[in-house]
Amino acid sequence: MNKRSVIQNTLFALMGLVGAASIIFYFVLRGEKPWLAFYVACCGGVLIVNLIIVLLFVRKNVN
């Protein structure tokens, strides 16, 4: 595999892990602390958006 596909696969795996963790923590914290659950879900969403931006830069600049 070339370097770009390794980096892309790693970023996809990180996005999946962050998304799954955000969803799990949202449902765990929703009952007792709804604002904390919403905050954790939003932080996970922002991190996924940042990883998508990194993915776009990797696709453009890494050979």
PDB file of N, CA and C in Angstrom:
ATOM      1  N   MET A   1       0.844  -1.193   0.000  1.00  0.00           N
ATOM      2  CA  MET A   1       0.000   0.000   0.000  1.00  0.00           C
ATOM      3  C   MET A   1       0.882   1.246   0.000  1.00  0.00           C
ATOM      4  N   ASN A   2       0.371   2.246  -0.649  1.00  0.00           N
ATOM      5  CA  ASN A   2       1.127   3.495  -0.634  1.00  0.00           C
ATOM      6  C   ASN A   2       0.791   4.311   0.609  1.00  0.00           C
ATOM      7  N   LYS A   3       1.551   5.367   0.777  1.00  0.00           N
ATOM      8  CA  LYS A   3       1.436   6.155   2.013  1.00  0.00           C
ATOM      9  C   LYS A   3       0.066   6.821   2.138  1.00  0.00           C
ATOM     10  N   ARG A   4      -0.505   7.273   1.007  1.00  0.00           N
ATOM     11  CA  ARG A   4      -1.779   7.974   1.067  1.00  0.00           C
ATOM     12  C   ARG A   4      -2.905   7.048   1.524  1.00  0.00           C
ATOM     13  N   SER A   5      -2.927   5.834   1.018  1.00  0.00           N
ATOM     14  CA  SER A   5      -4.015   4.932   1.407  1.00  0.00           C
ATOM     15  C   SER A   5      -3.908   4.525   2.878  1.00  0.00           C
ATOM     16  N   VAL A   6      -2.696   4.411   3.390  1.00  0.00           N
ATOM     17  CA  VAL A   6      -2.523   4.084   4.816  1.00  0.00           C
ATOM     18  C   VAL A   6      -3.054   5.226   5.676  1.00  0.00           C
ATOM     19  N   ILE A   7      -2.715   6.460   5.300  1.00  0.00           N
ATOM     20  CA  ILE A   7      -3.191   7.625   6.068  1.00  0.00           C
ATOM     21  C   ILE A   7      -4.701   7.740   5.966  1.00  0.00           C
ATOM     22  N   GLN A   8      -5.260   7.530   4.778  1.00  0.00           N
ATOM     23  CA  GLN A   8      -6.712   7.617   4.612  1.00  0.00           C
ATOM     24  C   GLN A   8      -7.432   6.546   5.425  1.00  0.00           C
ATOM     25  N   ASN A   9      -6.933   5.330   5.392  1.00  0.00           N
ATOM     26  CA  ASN A   9      -7.567   4.261   6.175  1.00  0.00           C
ATOM     27  C   ASN A   9      -7.502   4.554   7.670  1.00  0.00           C
ATOM     28  N   THR A  10      -6.391   5.111   8.121  1.00  0.00           N
ATOM     29  CA  THR A  10      -6.263   5.478   9.527  1.00  0.00           C
ATOM     30  C   THR A  10      -7.263   6.573   9.893  1.00  0.00           C
ATOM     31  N   LEU A  11      -7.417   7.571   9.024  1.00  0.00           N
ATOM     32  CA  LEU A  11      -8.376   8.643   9.297  1.00  0.00           C
ATOM     33  C   LEU A  11      -9.809   8.127   9.296  1.00  0.00           C
ATOM     34  N   PHE A  12     -10.141   7.219   8.372  1.00  0.00           N
ATOM     35  CA  PHE A  12     -11.482   6.636   8.369  1.00  0.00           C
ATOM     36  C   PHE A  12     -11.740   5.845   9.646  1.00  0.00           C
ATOM     37  N   ALA A  13     -10.731   5.101  10.102  1.00  0.00           N
ATOM     38  CA  ALA A  13     -10.882   4.338  11.340  1.00  0.00           C
ATOM     39  C   ALA A  13     -11.070   5.270  12.535  1.00  0.00           C
ATOM     40  N   LEU A  14     -10.303   6.363  12.586  1.00  0.00           N
ATOM     41  CA  LEU A  14     -10.462   7.332  13.678  1.00  0.00           C
ATOM     42  C   LEU A  14     -11.843   7.981  13.657  1.00  0.00           C
ATOM     43  N   MET A  15     -12.329   8.315  12.465  1.00  0.00           N
ATOM     44  CA  MET A  15     -13.666   8.901  12.373  1.00  0.00           C
ATOM     45  C   MET A  15     -14.731   7.922  12.865  1.00  0.00           C
ATOM     46  N   GLY A  16     -14.581   6.660  12.528  1.00  0.00           N
ATOM     47  CA  GLY A  16     -15.526   5.659  13.002  1.00  0.00           C
ATOM     48  C   GLY A  16     -15.484   5.481  14.511  1.00  0.00           C
ATOM     49  N   LEU A  17     -14.281   5.441  15.067  1.00  0.00           N
ATOM     50  CA  LEU A  17     -14.149   5.300  16.521  1.00  0.00           C
ATOM     51  C   LEU A  17     -14.716   6.506  17.263  1.00  0.00           C
ATOM     52  N   VAL A  18     -14.415   7.700  16.774  1.00  0.00           N
ATOM     53  CA  VAL A  18     -14.925   8.915  17.431  1.00  0.00           C
ATOM     54  C   VAL A  18     -16.445   8.973  17.327  1.00  0.00           C
ATOM     55  N   GLY A  19     -16.976   8.625  16.169  1.00  0.00           N
ATOM     56  CA  GLY A  19     -18.434   8.622  16.002  1.00  0.00           C
ATOM     57  C   GLY A  19     -19.113   7.618  16.916  1.00  0.00           C
ATOM     58  N   ALA A  20     -18.574   6.424  16.990  1.00  0.00           N
ATOM     59  CA  ALA A  20     -19.159   5.396  17.858  1.00  0.00           C
ATOM     60  C   ALA A  20     -19.061   5.796  19.328  1.00  0.00           C
ATOM     61  N   ALA A  21     -17.906   6.331  19.723  1.00  0.00           N
ATOM     62  CA  ALA A  21     -17.732   6.741  21.120  1.00  0.00           C
ATOM     63  C   ALA A  21     -18.665   7.895  21.475  1.00  0.00           C
ATOM     64  N   SER A  22     -18.857   8.830  20.557  1.00  0.00           N
ATOM     65  CA  SER A  22     -19.764   9.956  20.822  1.00  0.00           C
ATOM     66  C   SER A  22     -21.198   9.476  21.009  1.00  0.00           C
ATOM     67  N   ILE A  23     -21.621   8.554  20.161  1.00  0.00           N
ATOM     68  CA  ILE A  23     -22.985   8.031  20.268  1.00  0.00           C
ATOM     69  C   ILE A  23     -23.163   7.248  21.572  1.00  0.00           C
ATOM     70  N   ILE A  24     -22.200   6.417  21.908  1.00  0.00           N
ATOM     71  CA  ILE A  24     -22.288   5.625  23.145  1.00  0.00           C
ATOM     72  C   ILE A  24     -22.334   6.532  24.369  1.00  0.00           C
ATOM     73  N   PHE A  25     -21.413   7.510  24.432  1.00  0.00           N
ATOM     74  CA  PHE A  25     -21.396   8.405  25.588  1.00  0.00           C
ATOM     75  C   PHE A  25     -22.643   9.271  25.657  1.00  0.00           C
ATOM     76  N   TYR A  26     -23.200   9.629  24.496  1.00  0.00           N
ATOM     77  CA  TYR A  26     -24.434  10.414  24.512  1.00  0.00           C
ATOM     78  C   TYR A  26     -25.556   9.622  25.179  1.00  0.00           C
ATOM     79  N   PHE A  27     -25.721   8.374  24.790  1.00  0.00           N
ATOM     80  CA  PHE A  27     -26.807   7.588  25.368  1.00  0.00           C
ATOM     81  C   PHE A  27     -26.538   7.203  26.819  1.00  0.00           C
ATOM     82  N   VAL A  28     -25.287   7.078  27.210  1.00  0.00           N
ATOM     83  CA  VAL A  28     -24.972   6.763  28.604  1.00  0.00           C
ATOM     84  C   VAL A  28     -25.239   7.965  29.503  1.00  0.00           C
ATOM     85  N   LEU A  29     -24.856   9.162  29.055  1.00  0.00           N
ATOM     86  CA  LEU A  29     -24.980  10.357  29.891  1.00  0.00           C
ATOM     87  C   LEU A  29     -26.324  11.074  29.757  1.00  0.00           C
ATOM     88  N   ARG A  30     -27.133  10.695  28.793  1.00  0.00           N
ATOM     89  CA  ARG A  30     -28.364  11.424  28.501  1.00  0.00           C
ATOM     90  C   ARG A  30     -29.330  11.468  29.681  1.00  0.00           C
ATOM     91  N   GLY A  31     -29.431  10.410  30.448  1.00  0.00           N
ATOM     92  CA  GLY A  31     -30.411  10.357  31.522  1.00  0.00           C
ATOM     93  C   GLY A  31     -30.082  11.245  32.707  1.00  0.00           C
ATOM     94  N   GLU A  32     -28.811  11.264  33.113  1.00  0.00           N
ATOM     95  CA  GLU A  32     -28.462  11.988  34.337  1.00  0.00           C
ATOM     96  C   GLU A  32     -27.918  13.389  34.078  1.00  0.00           C
ATOM     97  N   LYS A  33     -27.218  13.583  32.980  1.00  0.00           N
ATOM     98  CA  LYS A  33     -26.643  14.898  32.671  1.00  0.00           C
ATOM     99  C   LYS A  33     -26.871  15.207  31.189  1.00  0.00           C
ATOM    100  N   PRO A  34     -28.037  15.718  30.837  1.00  0.00           N
ATOM    101  CA  PRO A  34     -28.327  15.912  29.407  1.00  0.00           C
ATOM    102  C   PRO A  34     -27.436  16.955  28.732  1.00  0.00           C
ATOM    103  N   TRP A  35     -27.036  17.998  29.451  1.00  0.00           N
ATOM    104  CA  TRP A  35     -26.185  19.008  28.826  1.00  0.00           C
ATOM    105  C   TRP A  35     -24.786  18.478  28.574  1.00  0.00           C
ATOM    106  N   LEU A  36     -24.277  17.657  29.483  1.00  0.00           N
ATOM    107  CA  LEU A  36     -22.968  17.049  29.272  1.00  0.00           C
ATOM    108  C   LEU A  36     -23.021  16.074  28.094  1.00  0.00           C
ATOM    109  N   ALA A  37     -24.115  15.342  27.973  1.00  0.00           N
ATOM    110  CA  ALA A  37     -24.268  14.427  26.846  1.00  0.00           C
ATOM    111  C   ALA A  37     -24.292  15.193  25.526  1.00  0.00           C
ATOM    112  N   PHE A  38     -25.001  16.300  25.475  1.00  0.00           N
ATOM    113  CA  PHE A  38     -25.050  17.124  24.270  1.00  0.00           C
ATOM    114  C   PHE A  38     -23.670  17.701  23.956  1.00  0.00           C
ATOM    115  N   TYR A  39     -22.942  18.134  24.981  1.00  0.00           N
ATOM    116  CA  TYR A  39     -21.599  18.681  24.802  1.00  0.00           C
ATOM    117  C   TYR A  39     -20.646  17.633  24.243  1.00  0.00           C
ATOM    118  N   VAL A  40     -20.689  16.428  24.771  1.00  0.00           N
ATOM    119  CA  VAL A  40     -19.817  15.354  24.297  1.00  0.00           C
ATOM    120  C   VAL A  40     -20.155  15.006  22.848  1.00  0.00           C
ATOM    121  N   ALA A  41     -21.426  14.969  22.509  1.00  0.00           N
ATOM    122  CA  ALA A  41     -21.820  14.666  21.132  1.00  0.00           C
ATOM    123  C   ALA A  41     -21.360  15.765  20.179  1.00  0.00           C
ATOM    124  N   CYS A  42     -21.470  17.009  20.595  1.00  0.00           N
ATOM    125  CA  CYS A  42     -21.011  18.116  19.743  1.00  0.00           C
ATOM    126  C   CYS A  42     -19.496  18.097  19.578  1.00  0.00           C
ATOM    127  N   CYS A  43     -18.769  17.794  20.638  1.00  0.00           N
ATOM    128  CA  CYS A  43     -17.305  17.704  20.531  1.00  0.00           C
ATOM    129  C   CYS A  43     -16.900  16.581  19.581  1.00  0.00           C
ATOM    130  N   GLY A  44     -17.587  15.477  19.646  1.00  0.00           N
ATOM    131  CA  GLY A  44     -17.302  14.383  18.714  1.00  0.00           C
ATOM    132  C   GLY A  44     -17.596  14.780  17.277  1.00  0.00           C
ATOM    133  N   GLY A  45     -18.684  15.512  17.072  1.00  0.00           N
ATOM    134  CA  GLY A  45     -19.013  15.984  15.727  1.00  0.00           C
ATOM    135  C   GLY A  45     -17.981  16.951  15.186  1.00  0.00           C
ATOM    136  N   VAL A  46     -17.512  17.844  16.032  1.00  0.00           N
ATOM    137  CA  VAL A  46     -16.483  18.807  15.604  1.00  0.00           C
ATOM    138  C   VAL A  46     -15.186  18.074  15.270  1.00  0.00           C
ATOM    139  N   LEU A  47     -14.830  17.084  16.049  1.00  0.00           N
ATOM    140  CA  LEU A  47     -13.619  16.312  15.776  1.00  0.00           C
ATOM    141  C   LEU A  47     -13.743  15.552  14.458  1.00  0.00           C
ATOM    142  N   ILE A  48     -14.912  15.011  14.169  1.00  0.00           N
ATOM    143  CA  ILE A  48     -15.114  14.315  12.901  1.00  0.00           C
ATOM    144  C   ILE A  48     -15.011  15.285  11.730  1.00  0.00           C
ATOM    145  N   VAL A  49     -15.571  16.481  11.868  1.00  0.00           N
ATOM    146  CA  VAL A  49     -15.447  17.492  10.808  1.00  0.00           C
ATOM    147  C   VAL A  49     -13.989  17.851  10.586  1.00  0.00           C
ATOM    148  N   ASN A  50     -13.221  18.009  11.649  1.00  0.00           N
ATOM    149  CA  ASN A  50     -11.794  18.297  11.510  1.00  0.00           C
ATOM    150  C   ASN A  50     -11.054  17.156  10.822  1.00  0.00           C
ATOM    151  N   LEU A  51     -11.392  15.922  11.125  1.00  0.00           N
ATOM    152  CA  LEU A  51     -10.754  14.790  10.468  1.00  0.00           C
ATOM    153  C   LEU A  51     -11.128  14.724   8.993  1.00  0.00           C
ATOM    154  N   ILE A  52     -12.341  15.126   8.638  1.00  0.00           N
ATOM    155  CA  ILE A  52     -12.732  15.179   7.224  1.00  0.00           C
ATOM    156  C   ILE A  52     -11.908  16.232   6.489  1.00  0.00           C
ATOM    157  N   ILE A  53     -11.681  17.372   7.117  1.00  0.00           N
ATOM    158  CA  ILE A  53     -10.846  18.410   6.503  1.00  0.00           C
ATOM    159  C   ILE A  53      -9.424  17.900   6.308  1.00  0.00           C
ATOM    160  N   VAL A  54      -8.883  17.208   7.300  1.00  0.00           N
ATOM    161  CA  VAL A  54      -7.548  16.627   7.178  1.00  0.00           C
ATOM    162  C   VAL A  54      -7.528  15.615   6.037  1.00  0.00           C
ATOM    163  N   LEU A  55      -8.582  14.825   5.915  1.00  0.00           N
ATOM    164  CA  LEU A  55      -8.667  13.838   4.841  1.00  0.00           C
ATOM    165  C   LEU A  55      -8.637  14.515   3.470  1.00  0.00           C
ATOM    166  N   LEU A  56      -9.323  15.626   3.334  1.00  0.00           N
ATOM    167  CA  LEU A  56      -9.314  16.355   2.071  1.00  0.00           C
ATOM    168  C   LEU A  56      -7.906  16.868   1.747  1.00  0.00           C
ATOM    169  N   PHE A  57      -7.194  17.378   2.738  1.00  0.00           N
ATOM    170  CA  PHE A  57      -5.831  17.844   2.517  1.00  0.00           C
ATOM    171  C   PHE A  57      -4.900  16.686   2.174  1.00  0.00           C
ATOM    172  N   VAL A  58      -5.096  15.538   2.803  1.00  0.00           N
ATOM    173  CA  VAL A  58      -4.262  14.376   2.500  1.00  0.00           C
ATOM    174  C   VAL A  58      -4.497  13.920   1.061  1.00  0.00           C
ATOM    175  N   ARG A  59      -5.743  13.881   0.635  1.00  0.00           N
ATOM    176  CA  ARG A  59      -6.040  13.476  -0.733  1.00  0.00           C
ATOM    177  C   ARG A  59      -5.431  14.412  -1.753  1.00  0.00           C
ATOM    178  N   LYS A  60      -5.348  15.694  -1.406  1.00  0.00           N
ATOM    179  CA  LYS A  60      -4.826  16.674  -2.354  1.00  0.00           C
ATOM    180  C   LYS A  60      -3.310  16.712  -2.366  1.00  0.00           C
ATOM    181  N   ASN A  61      -2.648  16.577  -1.231  1.00  0.00           N
ATOM    182  CA  ASN A  61      -1.220  16.867  -1.131  1.00  0.00           C
ATOM    183  C   ASN A  61      -0.288  15.670  -0.989  1.00  0.00           C
ATOM    184  N   VAL A  62      -0.766  14.530  -0.574  1.00  0.00           N
ATOM    185  CA  VAL A  62       0.122  13.382  -0.377  1.00  0.00           C
ATOM    186  C   VAL A  62       0.064  12.500  -1.615  1.00  0.00           C
ATOM    187  N   ASN A  63       1.232  12.104  -2.078  1.00  0.00           N
ATOM    188  CA  ASN A  63       1.293  11.260  -3.283  1.00  0.00           C
ATOM    189  C   ASN A  63       1.261   9.803  -2.933  1.00  0.00           C
TER     190      ASN A  63
END
